[in-house]
Full PDB file with SEQRES, HELIX, SHEET, SSBOND, CRYST1, ORIGX, SCALE, CONECT and MASTER records, all heavy atoms in Angstrom:
SEQRES   1 A   32  GLY TYR ALA GLY ALA ASN ASP PRO GLY ALA LEU GLY THR          
SEQRES   2 A   32  GLY TYR PRO LEU LEU VAL ALA SER ALA ALA LEU ARG ASP          
SEQRES   3 A   32  HIS PRO GLY ASP TRP LEU                                      
HELIX    1 AA1 PRO A    8  LEU A   11  1                                   4    
HELIX    2 AA2 TYR A   15  ASP A   26  1                                  12    
CRYST1    1.000    1.000    1.000  90.00  90.00  90.00 P 1           1          
ORIGX1      1.000000  0.000000  0.000000        0.00000                         
ORIGX2      0.000000  1.000000  0.000000        0.00000                         
ORIGX3      0.000000  0.000000  1.000000        0.00000                         
SCALE1      1.000000  0.000000  0.000000        0.00000                         
SCALE2      0.000000  1.000000  0.000000        0.00000                         
SCALE3      0.000000  0.000000  1.000000        0.00000                         
ATOM      1  N   GLY A   1      -1.074  52.368  -8.269  1.00  0.00           N  
ATOM      2  CA  GLY A   1      -0.237  52.099  -7.023  1.00  0.00           C  
ATOM      3  C   GLY A   1       1.003  52.990  -7.019  1.00  0.00           C  
ATOM      4  O   GLY A   1       1.692  53.110  -6.007  1.00  0.00           O  
ATOM      5  N   TYR A   2       1.298  53.649  -8.103  1.00  0.00           N  
ATOM      6  CA  TYR A   2       2.433  54.490  -8.240  1.00  0.00           C  
ATOM      7  C   TYR A   2       1.968  55.955  -8.446  1.00  0.00           C  
ATOM      8  O   TYR A   2       1.153  56.252  -9.330  1.00  0.00           O  
ATOM      9  CB  TYR A   2       3.354  54.112  -9.365  1.00  0.00           C  
ATOM     10  CG  TYR A   2       3.963  52.754  -9.304  1.00  0.00           C  
ATOM     11  CD1 TYR A   2       3.342  51.616  -9.820  1.00  0.00           C  
ATOM     12  CD2 TYR A   2       5.168  52.603  -8.663  1.00  0.00           C  
ATOM     13  CE1 TYR A   2       3.886  50.347  -9.661  1.00  0.00           C  
ATOM     14  CE2 TYR A   2       5.733  51.288  -8.492  1.00  0.00           C  
ATOM     15  CZ  TYR A   2       5.106  50.236  -9.048  1.00  0.00           C  
ATOM     16  OH  TYR A   2       5.656  48.999  -8.891  1.00  0.00           O  
ATOM     17  N   ALA A   3       2.463  56.845  -7.619  1.00  0.00           N  
ATOM     18  CA  ALA A   3       1.951  58.181  -7.719  1.00  0.00           C  
ATOM     19  C   ALA A   3       3.138  59.222  -7.968  1.00  0.00           C  
ATOM     20  O   ALA A   3       2.816  60.398  -8.128  1.00  0.00           O  
ATOM     21  CB  ALA A   3       1.269  58.572  -6.397  1.00  0.00           C  
ATOM     22  N   GLY A   4       4.337  58.705  -8.101  1.00  0.00           N  
ATOM     23  CA  GLY A   4       5.484  59.584  -8.188  1.00  0.00           C  
ATOM     24  C   GLY A   4       5.538  60.252  -9.642  1.00  0.00           C  
ATOM     25  O   GLY A   4       4.985  59.707 -10.549  1.00  0.00           O  
ATOM     26  N   ALA A   5       6.328  61.288  -9.669  1.00  0.00           N  
ATOM     27  CA  ALA A   5       6.455  61.975 -10.977  1.00  0.00           C  
ATOM     28  C   ALA A   5       7.361  61.153 -11.907  1.00  0.00           C  
ATOM     29  O   ALA A   5       8.350  60.485 -11.417  1.00  0.00           O  
ATOM     30  CB  ALA A   5       7.154  63.410 -10.789  1.00  0.00           C  
ATOM     31  N   ASN A   6       7.069  61.138 -13.163  1.00  0.00           N  
ATOM     32  CA  ASN A   6       7.878  60.537 -14.274  1.00  0.00           C  
ATOM     33  C   ASN A   6       8.035  59.115 -14.116  1.00  0.00           C  
ATOM     34  O   ASN A   6       8.930  58.487 -14.744  1.00  0.00           O  
ATOM     35  CB  ASN A   6       9.296  61.214 -14.289  1.00  0.00           C  
ATOM     36  CG  ASN A   6       9.191  62.727 -14.465  1.00  0.00           C  
ATOM     37  OD1 ASN A   6       8.203  63.262 -14.980  1.00  0.00           O  
ATOM     38  ND2 ASN A   6      10.207  63.410 -14.096  1.00  0.00           N  
ATOM     39  N   ASP A   7       7.191  58.429 -13.351  1.00  0.00           N  
ATOM     40  CA  ASP A   7       7.300  56.958 -13.290  1.00  0.00           C  
ATOM     41  C   ASP A   7       6.545  56.356 -14.445  1.00  0.00           C  
ATOM     42  O   ASP A   7       5.404  56.709 -14.734  1.00  0.00           O  
ATOM     43  CB  ASP A   7       6.659  56.506 -11.979  1.00  0.00           C  
ATOM     44  CG  ASP A   7       6.715  54.973 -11.731  1.00  0.00           C  
ATOM     45  OD1 ASP A   7       5.966  54.239 -12.383  1.00  0.00           O  
ATOM     46  OD2 ASP A   7       7.591  54.613 -10.997  1.00  0.00           O  
ATOM     47  N   PRO A   8       7.180  55.467 -15.229  1.00  0.00           N  
ATOM     48  CA  PRO A   8       6.559  54.926 -16.452  1.00  0.00           C  
ATOM     49  C   PRO A   8       5.219  54.189 -16.105  1.00  0.00           C  
ATOM     50  O   PRO A   8       4.273  54.363 -16.874  1.00  0.00           O  
ATOM     51  CB  PRO A   8       7.624  53.935 -16.983  1.00  0.00           C  
ATOM     52  CG  PRO A   8       8.886  54.451 -16.441  1.00  0.00           C  
ATOM     53  CD  PRO A   8       8.543  54.993 -15.100  1.00  0.00           C  
ATOM     54  N   GLY A   9       5.168  53.511 -15.022  1.00  0.00           N  
ATOM     55  CA  GLY A   9       3.909  52.805 -14.662  1.00  0.00           C  
ATOM     56  C   GLY A   9       2.792  53.772 -14.339  1.00  0.00           C  
ATOM     57  O   GLY A   9       1.643  53.626 -14.730  1.00  0.00           O  
ATOM     58  N   ALA A  10       3.127  54.871 -13.657  1.00  0.00           N  
ATOM     59  CA  ALA A  10       2.152  55.852 -13.262  1.00  0.00           C  
ATOM     60  C   ALA A  10       1.655  56.666 -14.411  1.00  0.00           C  
ATOM     61  O   ALA A  10       0.607  57.235 -14.349  1.00  0.00           O  
ATOM     62  CB  ALA A  10       2.748  56.782 -12.198  1.00  0.00           C  
ATOM     63  N   LEU A  11       2.424  56.726 -15.502  1.00  0.00           N  
ATOM     64  CA  LEU A  11       2.074  57.550 -16.617  1.00  0.00           C  
ATOM     65  C   LEU A  11       1.220  56.798 -17.650  1.00  0.00           C  
ATOM     66  O   LEU A  11       0.625  57.387 -18.593  1.00  0.00           O  
ATOM     67  CB  LEU A  11       3.267  58.121 -17.373  1.00  0.00           C  
ATOM     68  CG  LEU A  11       4.040  59.242 -16.643  1.00  0.00           C  
ATOM     69  CD1 LEU A  11       5.434  59.476 -17.318  1.00  0.00           C  
ATOM     70  CD2 LEU A  11       3.169  60.518 -16.631  1.00  0.00           C  
ATOM     71  N   GLY A  12       1.056  55.473 -17.508  1.00  0.00           N  
ATOM     72  CA  GLY A  12       0.343  54.653 -18.422  1.00  0.00           C  
ATOM     73  C   GLY A  12       1.099  54.384 -19.717  1.00  0.00           C  
ATOM     74  O   GLY A  12       2.329  54.662 -19.778  1.00  0.00           O  
ATOM     75  N   THR A  13       0.379  53.941 -20.657  1.00  0.00           N  
ATOM     76  CA  THR A  13       1.103  53.522 -21.971  1.00  0.00           C  
ATOM     77  C   THR A  13       0.613  54.334 -23.126  1.00  0.00           C  
ATOM     78  O   THR A  13       0.842  54.037 -24.272  1.00  0.00           O  
ATOM     79  CB  THR A  13       0.839  52.052 -22.231  1.00  0.00           C  
ATOM     80  OG1 THR A  13      -0.573  51.806 -22.362  1.00  0.00           O  
ATOM     81  CG2 THR A  13       1.514  51.199 -21.157  1.00  0.00           C  
ATOM     82  N   GLY A  14      -0.090  55.463 -22.929  1.00  0.00           N  
ATOM     83  CA  GLY A  14      -0.660  56.272 -24.006  1.00  0.00           C  
ATOM     84  C   GLY A  14       0.104  57.573 -24.171  1.00  0.00           C  
ATOM     85  O   GLY A  14       1.293  57.699 -23.908  1.00  0.00           O  
ATOM     86  N   TYR A  15      -0.623  58.533 -24.705  1.00  0.00           N  
ATOM     87  CA  TYR A  15       0.035  59.817 -25.070  1.00  0.00           C  
ATOM     88  C   TYR A  15       0.692  60.605 -23.905  1.00  0.00           C  
ATOM     89  O   TYR A  15       1.727  61.208 -24.134  1.00  0.00           O  
ATOM     90  CB  TYR A  15      -0.964  60.735 -25.844  1.00  0.00           C  
ATOM     91  CG  TYR A  15      -1.997  61.338 -24.915  1.00  0.00           C  
ATOM     92  CD1 TYR A  15      -1.807  62.627 -24.354  1.00  0.00           C  
ATOM     93  CD2 TYR A  15      -3.243  60.774 -24.685  1.00  0.00           C  
ATOM     94  CE1 TYR A  15      -2.690  63.221 -23.580  1.00  0.00           C  
ATOM     95  CE2 TYR A  15      -4.170  61.351 -23.843  1.00  0.00           C  
ATOM     96  CZ  TYR A  15      -3.967  62.597 -23.313  1.00  0.00           C  
ATOM     97  OH  TYR A  15      -4.865  63.167 -22.503  1.00  0.00           O  
ATOM     98  N   PRO A  16       0.237  60.530 -22.635  1.00  0.00           N  
ATOM     99  CA  PRO A  16       1.020  61.114 -21.625  1.00  0.00           C  
ATOM    100  C   PRO A  16       2.387  60.604 -21.476  1.00  0.00           C  
ATOM    101  O   PRO A  16       3.362  61.427 -21.261  1.00  0.00           O  
ATOM    102  CB  PRO A  16       0.181  60.886 -20.367  1.00  0.00           C  
ATOM    103  CG  PRO A  16      -1.269  60.740 -20.844  1.00  0.00           C  
ATOM    104  CD  PRO A  16      -1.095  59.941 -22.163  1.00  0.00           C  
ATOM    105  N   LEU A  17       2.596  59.351 -21.565  1.00  0.00           N  
ATOM    106  CA  LEU A  17       3.908  58.800 -21.490  1.00  0.00           C  
ATOM    107  C   LEU A  17       4.753  59.233 -22.678  1.00  0.00           C  
ATOM    108  O   LEU A  17       5.943  59.555 -22.530  1.00  0.00           O  
ATOM    109  CB  LEU A  17       3.844  57.190 -21.503  1.00  0.00           C  
ATOM    110  CG  LEU A  17       5.190  56.482 -21.547  1.00  0.00           C  
ATOM    111  CD1 LEU A  17       5.999  56.756 -20.303  1.00  0.00           C  
ATOM    112  CD2 LEU A  17       4.980  54.998 -21.717  1.00  0.00           C  
ATOM    113  N   LEU A  18       4.139  59.286 -23.853  1.00  0.00           N  
ATOM    114  CA  LEU A  18       4.919  59.680 -25.054  1.00  0.00           C  
ATOM    115  C   LEU A  18       5.322  61.175 -24.919  1.00  0.00           C  
ATOM    116  O   LEU A  18       6.473  61.541 -25.303  1.00  0.00           O  
ATOM    117  CB  LEU A  18       4.104  59.423 -26.329  1.00  0.00           C  
ATOM    118  CG  LEU A  18       3.713  57.957 -26.583  1.00  0.00           C  
ATOM    119  CD1 LEU A  18       2.855  57.858 -27.854  1.00  0.00           C  
ATOM    120  CD2 LEU A  18       4.935  57.150 -26.711  1.00  0.00           C  
ATOM    121  N   VAL A  19       4.427  61.976 -24.460  1.00  0.00           N  
ATOM    122  CA  VAL A  19       4.721  63.452 -24.256  1.00  0.00           C  
ATOM    123  C   VAL A  19       5.848  63.576 -23.256  1.00  0.00           C  
ATOM    124  O   VAL A  19       6.824  64.310 -23.487  1.00  0.00           O  
ATOM    125  CB  VAL A  19       3.503  64.224 -23.836  1.00  0.00           C  
ATOM    126  CG1 VAL A  19       3.909  65.614 -23.445  1.00  0.00           C  
ATOM    127  CG2 VAL A  19       2.492  64.282 -25.059  1.00  0.00           C  
ATOM    128  N   ALA A  20       5.652  62.902 -22.148  1.00  0.00           N  
ATOM    129  CA  ALA A  20       6.663  63.069 -21.048  1.00  0.00           C  
ATOM    130  C   ALA A  20       8.005  62.552 -21.482  1.00  0.00           C  
ATOM    131  O   ALA A  20       9.023  63.197 -21.234  1.00  0.00           O  
ATOM    132  CB  ALA A  20       6.172  62.336 -19.794  1.00  0.00           C  
ATOM    133  N   SER A  21       8.017  61.433 -22.160  1.00  0.00           N  
ATOM    134  CA  SER A  21       9.352  60.826 -22.572  1.00  0.00           C  
ATOM    135  C   SER A  21      10.123  61.744 -23.509  1.00  0.00           C  
ATOM    136  O   SER A  21      11.299  61.972 -23.362  1.00  0.00           O  
ATOM    137  CB  SER A  21       9.123  59.463 -23.288  1.00  0.00           C  
ATOM    138  OG  SER A  21       8.464  58.604 -22.460  1.00  0.00           O  
ATOM    139  N   ALA A  22       9.400  62.318 -24.489  1.00  0.00           N  
ATOM    140  CA  ALA A  22      10.041  63.266 -25.431  1.00  0.00           C  
ATOM    141  C   ALA A  22      10.483  64.464 -24.742  1.00  0.00           C  
ATOM    142  O   ALA A  22      11.582  65.010 -25.040  1.00  0.00           O  
ATOM    143  CB  ALA A  22       9.156  63.470 -26.580  1.00  0.00           C  
ATOM    144  N   ALA A  23       9.642  65.090 -23.982  1.00  0.00           N  
ATOM    145  CA  ALA A  23       9.953  66.317 -23.229  1.00  0.00           C  
ATOM    146  C   ALA A  23      11.174  66.219 -22.301  1.00  0.00           C  
ATOM    147  O   ALA A  23      12.073  67.020 -22.244  1.00  0.00           O  
ATOM    148  CB  ALA A  23       8.736  66.906 -22.531  1.00  0.00           C  
ATOM    149  N   LEU A  24      11.182  65.079 -21.562  1.00  0.00           N  
ATOM    150  CA  LEU A  24      12.290  64.841 -20.698  1.00  0.00           C  
ATOM    151  C   LEU A  24      13.622  64.557 -21.428  1.00  0.00           C  
ATOM    152  O   LEU A  24      14.659  65.049 -20.989  1.00  0.00           O  
ATOM    153  CB  LEU A  24      11.982  63.608 -19.751  1.00  0.00           C  
ATOM    154  CG  LEU A  24      10.863  63.837 -18.743  1.00  0.00           C  
ATOM    155  CD1 LEU A  24      10.427  62.555 -18.120  1.00  0.00           C  
ATOM    156  CD2 LEU A  24      11.309  64.804 -17.665  1.00  0.00           C  
ATOM    157  N   ARG A  25      13.504  63.984 -22.584  1.00  0.00           N  
ATOM    158  CA  ARG A  25      14.638  63.783 -23.434  1.00  0.00           C  
ATOM    159  C   ARG A  25      15.177  65.193 -23.921  1.00  0.00           C  
ATOM    160  O   ARG A  25      16.426  65.370 -23.986  1.00  0.00           O  
ATOM    161  CB  ARG A  25      14.301  62.924 -24.567  1.00  0.00           C  
ATOM    162  CG  ARG A  25      15.438  62.750 -25.684  1.00  0.00           C  
ATOM    163  CD  ARG A  25      14.893  62.228 -26.969  1.00  0.00           C  
ATOM    164  NE  ARG A  25      13.943  63.300 -27.534  1.00  0.00           N  
ATOM    165  CZ  ARG A  25      13.025  63.028 -28.337  1.00  0.00           C  
ATOM    166  NH1 ARG A  25      12.773  61.785 -28.772  1.00  0.00           N  
ATOM    167  NH2 ARG A  25      12.243  64.022 -28.885  1.00  0.00           N  
ATOM    168  N   ASP A  26      14.292  65.963 -24.297  1.00  0.00           N  
ATOM    169  CA  ASP A  26      14.700  67.259 -24.966  1.00  0.00           C  
ATOM    170  C   ASP A  26      15.024  68.340 -23.990  1.00  0.00           C  
ATOM    171  O   ASP A  26      15.681  69.367 -24.358  1.00  0.00           O  
ATOM    172  CB  ASP A  26      13.537  67.785 -25.834  1.00  0.00           C  
ATOM    173  CG  ASP A  26      13.316  66.913 -27.108  1.00  0.00           C  
ATOM    174  OD1 ASP A  26      14.212  65.995 -27.360  1.00  0.00           O  
ATOM    175  OD2 ASP A  26      12.296  67.083 -27.795  1.00  0.00           O  
ATOM    176  N   HIS A  27      14.625  68.193 -22.742  1.00  0.00           N  
ATOM    177  CA  HIS A  27      14.897  69.228 -21.706  1.00  0.00           C  
ATOM    178  C   HIS A  27      15.603  68.733 -20.478  1.00  0.00           C  
ATOM    179  O   HIS A  27      15.134  68.880 -19.347  1.00  0.00           O  
ATOM    180  CB  HIS A  27      13.571  69.992 -21.355  1.00  0.00           C  
ATOM    181  CG  HIS A  27      12.859  70.531 -22.502  1.00  0.00           C  
ATOM    182  ND1 HIS A  27      13.265  71.693 -23.188  1.00  0.00           N  
ATOM    183  CD2 HIS A  27      11.718  70.136 -23.202  1.00  0.00           C  
ATOM    184  CE1 HIS A  27      12.466  71.991 -24.077  1.00  0.00           C  
ATOM    185  NE2 HIS A  27      11.517  71.042 -24.205  1.00  0.00           N  
ATOM    186  N   PRO A  28      16.721  68.043 -20.631  1.00  0.00           N  
ATOM    187  CA  PRO A  28      17.440  67.550 -19.445  1.00  0.00           C  
ATOM    188  C   PRO A  28      17.906  68.730 -18.661  1.00  0.00           C  
ATOM    189  O   PRO A  28      18.325  69.748 -19.157  1.00  0.00           O  
ATOM    190  CB  PRO A  28      18.588  66.745 -20.035  1.00  0.00           C  
ATOM    191  CG  PRO A  28      18.811  67.323 -21.362  1.00  0.00           C  
ATOM    192  CD  PRO A  28      17.494  67.748 -21.882  1.00  0.00           C  
ATOM    193  N   GLY A  29      17.905  68.588 -17.349  1.00  0.00           N  
ATOM    194  CA  GLY A  29      18.217  69.657 -16.483  1.00  0.00           C  
ATOM    195  C   GLY A  29      17.129  70.627 -16.089  1.00  0.00           C  
ATOM    196  O   GLY A  29      17.324  71.363 -15.150  1.00  0.00           O  
ATOM    197  N   ASP A  30      16.048  70.537 -16.778  1.00  0.00           N  
ATOM    198  CA  ASP A  30      14.863  71.375 -16.420  1.00  0.00           C  
ATOM    199  C   ASP A  30      14.058  70.686 -15.266  1.00  0.00           C  
ATOM    200  O   ASP A  30      13.199  71.283 -14.635  1.00  0.00           O  
ATOM    201  CB  ASP A  30      13.943  71.580 -17.627  1.00  0.00           C  
ATOM    202  CG  ASP A  30      14.445  72.653 -18.560  1.00  0.00           C  
ATOM    203  OD1 ASP A  30      15.538  73.214 -18.235  1.00  0.00           O  
ATOM    204  OD2 ASP A  30      13.851  72.844 -19.597  1.00  0.00           O  
ATOM    205  N   TRP A  31      14.330  69.441 -15.054  1.00  0.00           N  
ATOM    206  CA  TRP A  31      13.711  68.620 -13.957  1.00  0.00           C  
ATOM    207  C   TRP A  31      12.191  68.760 -14.028  1.00  0.00           C  
ATOM    208  O   TRP A  31      11.526  69.016 -12.966  1.00  0.00           O  
ATOM    209  CB  TRP A  31      14.245  69.097 -12.627  1.00  0.00           C  
ATOM    210  CG  TRP A  31      15.691  68.953 -12.524  1.00  0.00           C  
ATOM    211  CD1 TRP A  31      16.630  69.943 -12.533  1.00  0.00           C  
ATOM    212  CD2 TRP A  31      16.472  67.738 -12.444  1.00  0.00           C  
ATOM    213  NE1 TRP A  31      17.925  69.450 -12.533  1.00  0.00           N  
ATOM    214  CE2 TRP A  31      17.852  68.128 -12.483  1.00  0.00           C  
ATOM    215  CE3 TRP A  31      16.150  66.384 -12.413  1.00  0.00           C  
ATOM    216  CZ2 TRP A  31      18.948  67.181 -12.374  1.00  0.00           C  
ATOM    217  CZ3 TRP A  31      17.168  65.465 -12.355  1.00  0.00           C  
ATOM    218  CH2 TRP A  31      18.533  65.870 -12.362  1.00  0.00           C  
ATOM    219  N   LEU A  32      11.623  68.651 -15.252  1.00  0.00           N  
ATOM    220  CA  LEU A  32      10.143  68.678 -15.376  1.00  0.00           C  
ATOM    221  C   LEU A  32       9.584  67.440 -14.691  1.00  0.00           C  
ATOM    222  O   LEU A  32      10.150  66.379 -14.729  1.00  0.00           O  
ATOM    223  CB  LEU A  32       9.846  68.703 -16.849  1.00  0.00           C  
ATOM    224  CG  LEU A  32      10.333  69.888 -17.638  1.00  0.00           C  
ATOM    225  CD1 LEU A  32       9.937  69.747 -19.110  1.00  0.00           C  
ATOM    226  CD2 LEU A  32       9.797  71.203 -17.121  1.00  0.00           C  
TER     227      LEU A  32                                                      
MASTER        0    0    0    2    0    0    0    6  226    1    0    3          
END                                                                             
């Protein structure tokens, strides 16, 4: 039901969420 970028619910609870969380932490300002 959620289709937006970087939404925790839309990313699920597996490796995509973990990858996204770490990359967003490490690259603030890149607006990935």
